């Protein structure tokens, strides 16, 4: 369950400003759009996965984020000073550089899901929600979440990130980062930071385009097969990345083949016999950031040692050949700016000398 709490979601700007939908992956929004939103003006309207619209006549002043993924996006956009609280806070050192110091100053309203009363009484005028479309986080999850009527009575506008929250409604696999780029563009429009959003999206496109130019022409059959080992989700029964998860796009863009790309959905539990049948060429060790290089190294070591010593996995091609990638879970499975950096990092490992 711990890996799921970092799953992203996104908003899409409509109302004659920017237009996008779940099925399209938000391409129009990620291109920057036109009209008032592009120049930082208002009103700005956003929709949820079902098309319900929320309109902003001005930038929100007090924002609460449901978890670290939406918090990080706001920090990168330069809207961190508007955030008054968060749930599922990032661990110390989990975010890069100055972002970490900013994140640690944000009030923690819940170490997990923010209690309903605390959220409604927070004084926020906007709540950015990453959970609602994710099926209750494995069954327990959301607890007594506020209704839309309760949010309205408290004066809180409630929006969702959509790049992974709308996975169940997508018409096909996620194979690019257009929905993530749409998230960034849309949040930039909502918070009045469109210029910064445009810079972030341009930087992502530049990295991904360079990788595509270097390895994109590799025939499908010659692309190495790839397994994301979600060590955090437990080893008794592996939780795999399916084709609606943003990590599928990251893997695909890097010139690899996700061995569970035939699974329609976000994540799924399978048996180790299923992984053995896939026999991947490469395995990414899915570890969450522990806040220090030493702690991260220890966690990566543990995940690798488990694969090397477990009777069910030690015979895999990737394990025997030592084909492991030590790239963090968050930057692979959470919708955000670092998705593009992960595409580059994977490609550099799988195609040495061709990328970067």
Protein backbone atom coordinates (compact mmCIF):
# COMPACT_ATOMS: atom_id res chain seq x y z
CA UNK A 1 0.00 0.00 0.00
CA UNK A 2 2.87 2.37 0.68
CA UNK A 3 3.71 2.73 -2.98
CA UNK A 4 0.13 3.58 -3.84
CA UNK A 5 -0.07 6.64 -1.66
CA UNK A 6 2.35 8.37 -4.00
CA UNK A 7 0.16 7.85 -7.07
CA UNK A 8 -0.54 11.08 -8.94
CA UNK A 9 -3.69 12.64 -10.39
CA UNK A 10 -4.17 15.87 -12.62
CA UNK A 11 -6.47 18.70 -13.52
CA UNK A 12 -7.39 19.75 -17.03
CA UNK A 13 -8.25 23.34 -17.92
CA UNK A 14 -11.38 23.88 -19.97
CA UNK A 15 -13.83 26.75 -20.50
CA UNK A 16 -12.28 28.08 -23.72
CA UNK A 17 -8.82 28.19 -22.17
CA UNK A 18 -7.26 24.74 -22.49
CA UNK A 19 -9.06 21.58 -23.51
CA UNK A 20 -8.11 18.01 -22.70
CA UNK A 21 -9.60 14.73 -21.56
CA UNK A 22 -8.57 11.53 -19.87
CA UNK A 23 -8.60 9.58 -23.10
CA UNK A 24 -6.36 12.06 -24.91
CA UNK A 25 -3.82 12.21 -22.10
CA UNK A 26 -4.26 15.99 -21.93
CA UNK A 27 -2.25 16.78 -25.05
CA UNK A 28 -3.79 20.19 -25.66
CA UNK A 29 -3.15 21.25 -22.08
CA UNK A 30 0.43 20.07 -22.15
CA UNK A 31 1.05 22.11 -25.28
CA UNK A 32 0.38 25.27 -23.32
CA UNK A 33 -3.02 26.12 -24.73
CA UNK A 34 -4.14 29.67 -25.39
CA UNK A 35 -6.21 32.48 -23.95
CA UNK A 36 -6.27 33.71 -20.38
CA UNK A 37 -4.69 30.65 -18.75
CA UNK A 38 -1.60 30.91 -20.89
CA UNK A 39 -1.06 34.51 -19.78
CA UNK A 40 -1.82 33.81 -16.12
CA UNK A 41 -5.34 35.29 -16.19
CA UNK A 42 -8.70 34.16 -14.85
CA UNK A 43 -11.28 32.66 -14.81
CA UNK A 44 -9.76 29.20 -15.03
CA UNK A 45 -11.86 26.02 -15.08
CA UNK A 46 -10.73 22.47 -14.39
CA UNK A 47 -12.53 19.15 -14.59
CA UNK A 48 -12.38 15.87 -12.70
CA UNK A 49 -12.33 12.41 -14.29
CA UNK A 50 -16.09 12.49 -14.82
CA UNK A 51 -16.15 15.96 -16.37
CA UNK A 52 -17.47 17.93 -13.38
CA UNK A 53 -16.08 21.47 -13.58
CA UNK A 54 -14.56 23.75 -10.94
CA UNK A 55 -13.95 27.40 -11.81
CA UNK A 56 -11.41 29.76 -10.25
CA UNK A 57 -11.91 33.53 -10.51
CA UNK A 58 -8.55 34.13 -8.83
CA UNK A 59 -5.55 32.19 -7.59
CA UNK A 60 -6.15 30.14 -4.43
CA UNK A 61 -4.49 31.59 -1.33
CA UNK A 62 -4.51 28.62 1.06
CA UNK A 63 -3.94 25.18 -0.42
CA UNK A 64 -3.94 21.76 1.24
CA UNK A 65 -2.45 18.82 -0.62
CA UNK A 66 -3.48 15.23 0.01
CA UNK A 67 0.06 13.93 -0.30
CA UNK A 68 3.64 14.63 -1.31
CA UNK A 69 3.10 14.27 -5.06
CA UNK A 70 0.85 17.31 -5.46
CA UNK A 71 2.90 19.17 -2.85
CA UNK A 72 6.05 18.67 -4.91
CA UNK A 73 4.39 19.93 -8.08
CA UNK A 74 3.31 23.12 -6.31
CA UNK A 75 6.79 23.64 -4.90
CA UNK A 76 8.33 23.26 -8.35
CA UNK A 77 5.81 25.74 -9.75
CA UNK A 78 6.77 28.31 -7.15
CA UNK A 79 3.39 28.14 -5.42
CA UNK A 80 4.70 26.49 -2.25
CA UNK A 81 4.02 29.59 -0.17
CA UNK A 82 0.31 28.99 -0.75
CA UNK A 83 0.38 25.50 0.81
CA UNK A 84 -0.81 25.50 4.42
CA UNK A 85 -0.90 21.75 5.01
CA UNK A 86 -0.51 18.26 3.59
CA UNK A 87 -1.22 14.62 4.23
CA UNK A 88 1.30 11.85 3.58
CA UNK A 89 4.24 14.27 3.92
CA UNK A 90 7.55 13.56 2.20
CA UNK A 91 10.24 12.20 4.47
CA UNK A 92 13.15 14.48 5.29
CA UNK A 93 15.57 14.44 2.38
CA UNK A 94 13.09 12.78 0.03
CA UNK A 95 12.81 15.80 -2.26
CA UNK A 96 15.79 17.26 -4.11
CA UNK A 97 17.72 20.30 -2.96
CA UNK A 98 15.85 23.39 -1.83
CA UNK A 99 12.49 21.69 -2.38
CA UNK A 100 13.16 19.55 0.67
CA UNK A 101 13.66 22.52 2.98
CA UNK A 102 10.43 24.08 1.72
CA UNK A 103 8.50 20.83 2.09
CA UNK A 104 9.61 20.37 5.69
CA UNK A 105 8.06 23.75 6.61
CA UNK A 106 4.58 22.68 5.48
CA UNK A 107 2.26 21.72 8.33
CA UNK A 108 1.47 18.02 8.46
CA UNK A 109 -2.30 17.63 8.82
CA UNK A 110 -2.08 13.86 8.68
CA UNK A 111 0.76 11.38 8.46
CA UNK A 112 -1.61 9.44 6.25
CA UNK A 113 -5.04 10.50 4.99
CA UNK A 114 -5.98 13.86 6.53
CA UNK A 115 -8.82 13.42 9.05
CA UNK A 116 -12.09 14.80 7.72
CA UNK A 117 -12.62 17.33 10.50
CA UNK A 118 -9.07 18.62 10.26
CA UNK A 119 -9.32 19.04 6.50
CA UNK A 120 -12.67 20.85 6.62
CA UNK A 121 -11.46 23.08 9.44
CA UNK A 122 -8.08 23.85 7.88
CA UNK A 123 -9.09 27.22 6.44
CA UNK A 124 -8.05 26.10 2.96
CA UNK A 125 -9.71 27.45 -0.14
CA UNK A 126 -8.38 24.60 -2.31
CA UNK A 127 -7.76 20.91 -1.69
CA UNK A 128 -5.73 19.01 -4.29
CA UNK A 129 -6.70 15.36 -4.06
CA UNK A 130 -4.67 12.43 -5.37
CA UNK A 131 -6.74 9.63 -3.89
CA UNK A 132 -10.40 9.78 -4.82
CA UNK A 133 -10.17 7.93 -8.13
CA UNK A 134 -7.83 5.24 -6.85
CA UNK A 135 -10.28 2.75 -5.43
CA UNK A 136 -9.84 3.49 -1.73
CA UNK A 137 -6.14 2.62 -1.66
CA UNK A 138 -6.53 -1.11 -1.48
CA UNK A 139 -9.75 -1.38 0.40
CA UNK A 140 -9.40 0.59 3.63
CA UNK A 141 -8.13 3.71 2.72
CA UNK A 142 -9.98 6.93 2.52
CA UNK A 143 -11.87 6.65 5.78
CA UNK A 144 -14.63 9.22 6.25
CA UNK A 145 -13.83 11.51 3.32
CA UNK A 146 -15.77 14.79 3.04
CA UNK A 147 -18.62 14.94 0.56
CA UNK A 148 -18.66 17.58 -2.15
CA UNK A 149 -21.42 19.34 -0.21
CA UNK A 150 -19.22 19.46 2.90
CA UNK A 151 -16.30 20.84 0.91
CA UNK A 152 -18.58 23.54 -0.50
CA UNK A 153 -19.96 24.42 2.93
CA UNK A 154 -16.39 24.82 4.22
CA UNK A 155 -15.47 27.09 1.31
CA UNK A 156 -12.97 24.59 -0.09
CA UNK A 157 -12.70 23.91 -3.81
CA UNK A 158 -11.83 20.27 -4.44
CA UNK A 159 -9.86 19.21 -7.52
CA UNK A 160 -8.02 16.09 -8.60
CA UNK A 161 -4.78 15.45 -10.41
CA UNK A 162 -5.67 13.18 -13.31
CA UNK A 163 -2.56 11.68 -14.87
CA UNK A 164 -2.98 8.49 -12.88
CA UNK A 165 -6.27 8.98 -11.04
CA UNK A 166 -8.13 8.67 -14.32
CA UNK A 167 -6.26 5.52 -15.33
CA UNK A 168 -9.34 3.32 -15.16
CA UNK A 169 -11.14 5.52 -17.70
CA UNK A 170 -8.34 5.70 -20.25
CA UNK A 171 -9.04 4.11 -23.60
CA UNK A 172 -5.55 2.69 -23.99
CA UNK A 173 -2.11 2.28 -22.42
CA UNK A 174 -0.15 5.26 -21.10
CA UNK A 175 2.88 5.51 -23.36
CA UNK A 176 3.87 9.18 -23.09
CA UNK A 177 4.02 11.96 -20.51
CA UNK A 178 1.41 14.24 -22.08
CA UNK A 179 -1.00 13.79 -19.17
CA UNK A 180 1.73 14.67 -16.67
CA UNK A 181 2.60 17.73 -18.71
CA UNK A 182 -1.10 18.63 -18.71
CA UNK A 183 -1.14 18.37 -14.91
CA UNK A 184 1.71 20.82 -14.62
CA UNK A 185 0.21 23.20 -17.17
CA UNK A 186 -3.18 23.10 -15.47
CA UNK A 187 -1.87 23.62 -11.95
CA UNK A 188 0.18 26.49 -13.29
CA UNK A 189 -2.98 28.08 -14.69
CA UNK A 190 -4.89 27.55 -11.42
CA UNK A 191 -2.13 29.00 -9.23
CA UNK A 192 -1.05 31.82 -11.55
CA UNK A 193 2.32 30.24 -12.30
CA UNK A 194 1.82 29.45 -15.97
CA UNK A 195 5.20 30.83 -17.02
CA UNK A 196 7.01 28.46 -14.67
CA UNK A 197 4.78 25.58 -15.76
CA UNK A 198 5.75 26.24 -19.36
CA UNK A 199 9.46 26.11 -18.40
CA UNK A 200 9.02 22.81 -16.54
CA UNK A 201 7.15 21.19 -19.41
CA UNK A 202 9.70 22.42 -21.95
CA UNK A 203 12.51 20.91 -19.88
CA UNK A 204 10.71 17.57 -19.74
CA UNK A 205 10.08 17.55 -23.48
CA UNK A 206 13.73 18.33 -24.21
CA UNK A 207 14.96 15.34 -22.19
CA UNK A 208 12.41 12.92 -23.59
CA UNK A 209 12.89 14.10 -27.17
CA UNK A 210 16.64 13.54 -26.88
CA UNK A 211 16.06 9.97 -25.72
CA UNK A 212 13.51 9.35 -28.45
CA UNK A 213 15.95 10.61 -31.06
CA UNK A 214 18.67 8.30 -29.75
CA UNK A 215 16.77 5.06 -29.20
CA UNK A 216 13.22 5.55 -30.46
CA UNK A 217 13.94 3.79 -33.72
CA UNK A 218 14.90 0.53 -32.01
CA UNK A 219 12.52 -2.19 -33.29
CA UNK A 220 10.07 -3.47 -30.69
CA UNK A 221 11.51 -6.98 -30.77
CA UNK A 222 15.01 -5.72 -30.03
CA UNK A 223 14.04 -3.58 -27.05
CA UNK A 224 15.10 -5.08 -23.71
CA UNK A 225 12.35 -6.36 -21.43
CA UNK A 226 11.94 -4.58 -18.11
CA UNK A 227 10.41 -5.36 -14.72
CA UNK A 228 9.74 -2.80 -12.00
CA UNK A 229 10.22 -4.69 -8.72
CA UNK A 230 8.06 -2.88 -6.17
CA UNK A 231 9.98 -3.97 -3.09
CA UNK A 232 7.97 -1.57 -0.91
CA UNK A 233 4.71 -3.34 -1.77
CA UNK A 234 5.96 -6.58 -0.27
CA UNK A 235 7.71 -9.66 -1.58
CA UNK A 236 5.21 -12.40 -0.77
CA UNK A 237 3.14 -11.54 -3.82
CA UNK A 238 4.60 -9.01 -6.28
CA UNK A 239 2.67 -5.88 -7.24
CA UNK A 240 3.43 -5.06 -10.85
CA UNK A 241 3.14 -1.99 -13.05
CA UNK A 242 0.38 -2.30 -15.64
CA UNK A 243 -0.09 -0.28 -18.79
CA UNK A 244 -2.23 2.54 -17.31
CA UNK A 245 0.43 3.58 -14.76
CA UNK A 246 2.73 6.49 -15.56
CA UNK A 247 5.72 4.17 -15.04
CA UNK A 248 4.63 2.27 -18.16
CA UNK A 249 5.15 5.47 -20.13
CA UNK A 250 8.52 6.07 -18.48
CA UNK A 251 9.69 2.54 -19.34
CA UNK A 252 8.35 2.72 -22.90
CA UNK A 253 9.87 6.12 -23.63
CA UNK A 254 13.24 4.85 -22.38
CA UNK A 255 13.24 2.22 -25.14
CA UNK A 256 12.29 -0.76 -22.98
CA UNK A 257 9.35 -3.16 -22.87
CA UNK A 258 7.39 -3.33 -19.63
CA UNK A 259 6.91 -7.09 -19.15
CA UNK A 260 3.44 -6.47 -17.70
CA UNK A 261 2.28 -4.05 -20.39
CA UNK A 262 -0.40 -6.59 -21.31
CA UNK A 263 -2.14 -5.85 -17.99
CA UNK A 264 -4.92 -3.27 -18.42
CA UNK A 265 -4.97 -1.11 -15.30
CA UNK A 266 -2.69 0.74 -12.91
CA UNK A 267 -1.15 -1.92 -10.67
CA UNK A 268 -1.93 -5.56 -10.12
CA UNK A 269 -0.84 -8.34 -7.80
CA UNK A 270 0.50 -11.43 -9.58
CA UNK A 271 2.42 -14.53 -8.57
CA UNK A 272 6.18 -14.98 -8.79
CA UNK A 273 5.53 -17.66 -11.38
CA UNK A 274 4.20 -14.87 -13.62
CA UNK A 275 7.42 -12.89 -13.23
CA UNK A 276 9.49 -16.01 -13.89
CA UNK A 277 7.51 -16.64 -17.08
CA UNK A 278 8.35 -13.12 -18.28
CA UNK A 279 12.07 -13.56 -17.43
CA UNK A 280 13.00 -9.87 -17.81
CA UNK A 281 16.31 -8.62 -19.19
CA UNK A 282 16.44 -5.81 -16.64
CA UNK A 283 14.96 -5.20 -13.18
CA UNK A 284 14.46 -1.84 -11.52
CA UNK A 285 14.69 -2.02 -7.74
CA UNK A 286 11.63 -0.09 -6.57
CA UNK A 287 12.74 1.73 -3.43
CA UNK A 288 11.27 4.85 -1.87
CA UNK A 289 13.67 7.63 -0.93
CA UNK A 290 14.87 7.19 2.66
CA UNK A 291 16.30 10.71 2.88
CA UNK A 292 20.01 9.94 2.63
CA UNK A 293 22.36 8.28 0.17
CA UNK A 294 23.46 5.73 2.77
CA UNK A 295 19.91 4.74 3.71
CA UNK A 296 18.92 4.49 0.06
CA UNK A 297 21.93 2.34 -0.74
CA UNK A 298 21.05 0.00 2.12
CA UNK A 299 17.47 -0.34 0.86
CA UNK A 300 18.61 -1.02 -2.71
CA UNK A 301 21.06 -3.62 -1.36
CA UNK A 302 18.25 -5.35 0.54
CA UNK A 303 16.02 -5.50 -2.54
CA UNK A 304 18.82 -6.86 -4.71
CA UNK A 305 19.88 -9.42 -2.11
CA UNK A 306 16.30 -10.64 -1.83
CA UNK A 307 16.14 -11.28 -5.57
CA UNK A 308 19.55 -12.97 -5.58
CA UNK A 309 18.76 -15.28 -2.67
CA UNK A 310 15.11 -16.13 -3.26
CA UNK A 311 14.69 -19.53 -4.96
CA UNK A 312 11.89 -18.14 -7.13
CA UNK A 313 13.92 -15.27 -8.58
CA UNK A 314 17.63 -16.06 -8.43
CA UNK A 315 17.48 -17.87 -11.77
CA UNK A 316 16.03 -14.92 -13.67
CA UNK A 317 18.19 -13.66 -16.52
CA UNK A 318 18.40 -10.13 -15.09
CA UNK A 319 19.41 -11.45 -11.66
CA UNK A 320 22.08 -13.80 -13.00
CA UNK A 321 23.56 -11.06 -15.16
CA UNK A 322 23.35 -8.38 -12.46
CA UNK A 323 21.10 -6.22 -14.60
CA UNK A 324 19.68 -4.04 -11.84
CA UNK A 325 18.73 -0.37 -11.97
CA UNK A 326 18.86 1.62 -8.75
CA UNK A 327 16.36 4.34 -9.58
CA UNK A 328 13.83 5.56 -7.00
CA UNK A 329 10.19 4.55 -7.02
CA UNK A 330 8.77 8.05 -6.66
CA UNK A 331 10.36 9.48 -9.79
CA UNK A 332 9.15 6.47 -11.77
CA UNK A 333 5.61 5.90 -10.49
CA UNK A 334 4.53 9.39 -9.38
CA UNK A 335 3.45 11.86 -12.03
CA UNK A 336 5.94 14.70 -11.97
CA UNK A 337 8.88 16.53 -13.49
CA UNK A 338 11.31 13.76 -12.57
CA UNK A 339 9.53 11.28 -14.88
CA UNK A 340 11.51 12.75 -17.76
CA UNK A 341 14.78 12.45 -15.82
CA UNK A 342 13.97 8.80 -15.15
CA UNK A 343 13.36 8.16 -18.85
CA UNK A 344 16.86 9.50 -19.47
CA UNK A 345 18.42 7.49 -16.62
CA UNK A 346 16.89 4.19 -17.76
CA UNK A 347 17.87 4.77 -21.37
CA UNK A 348 21.46 5.56 -20.42
CA UNK A 349 21.70 2.20 -18.64
CA UNK A 350 19.99 0.12 -21.31
CA UNK A 351 21.67 1.85 -24.26
CA UNK A 352 25.15 2.79 -23.06
CA UNK A 353 26.87 5.37 -25.24
CA UNK A 354 23.73 6.26 -27.17
CA UNK A 355 22.04 8.62 -24.70
CA UNK A 356 23.49 11.70 -22.99
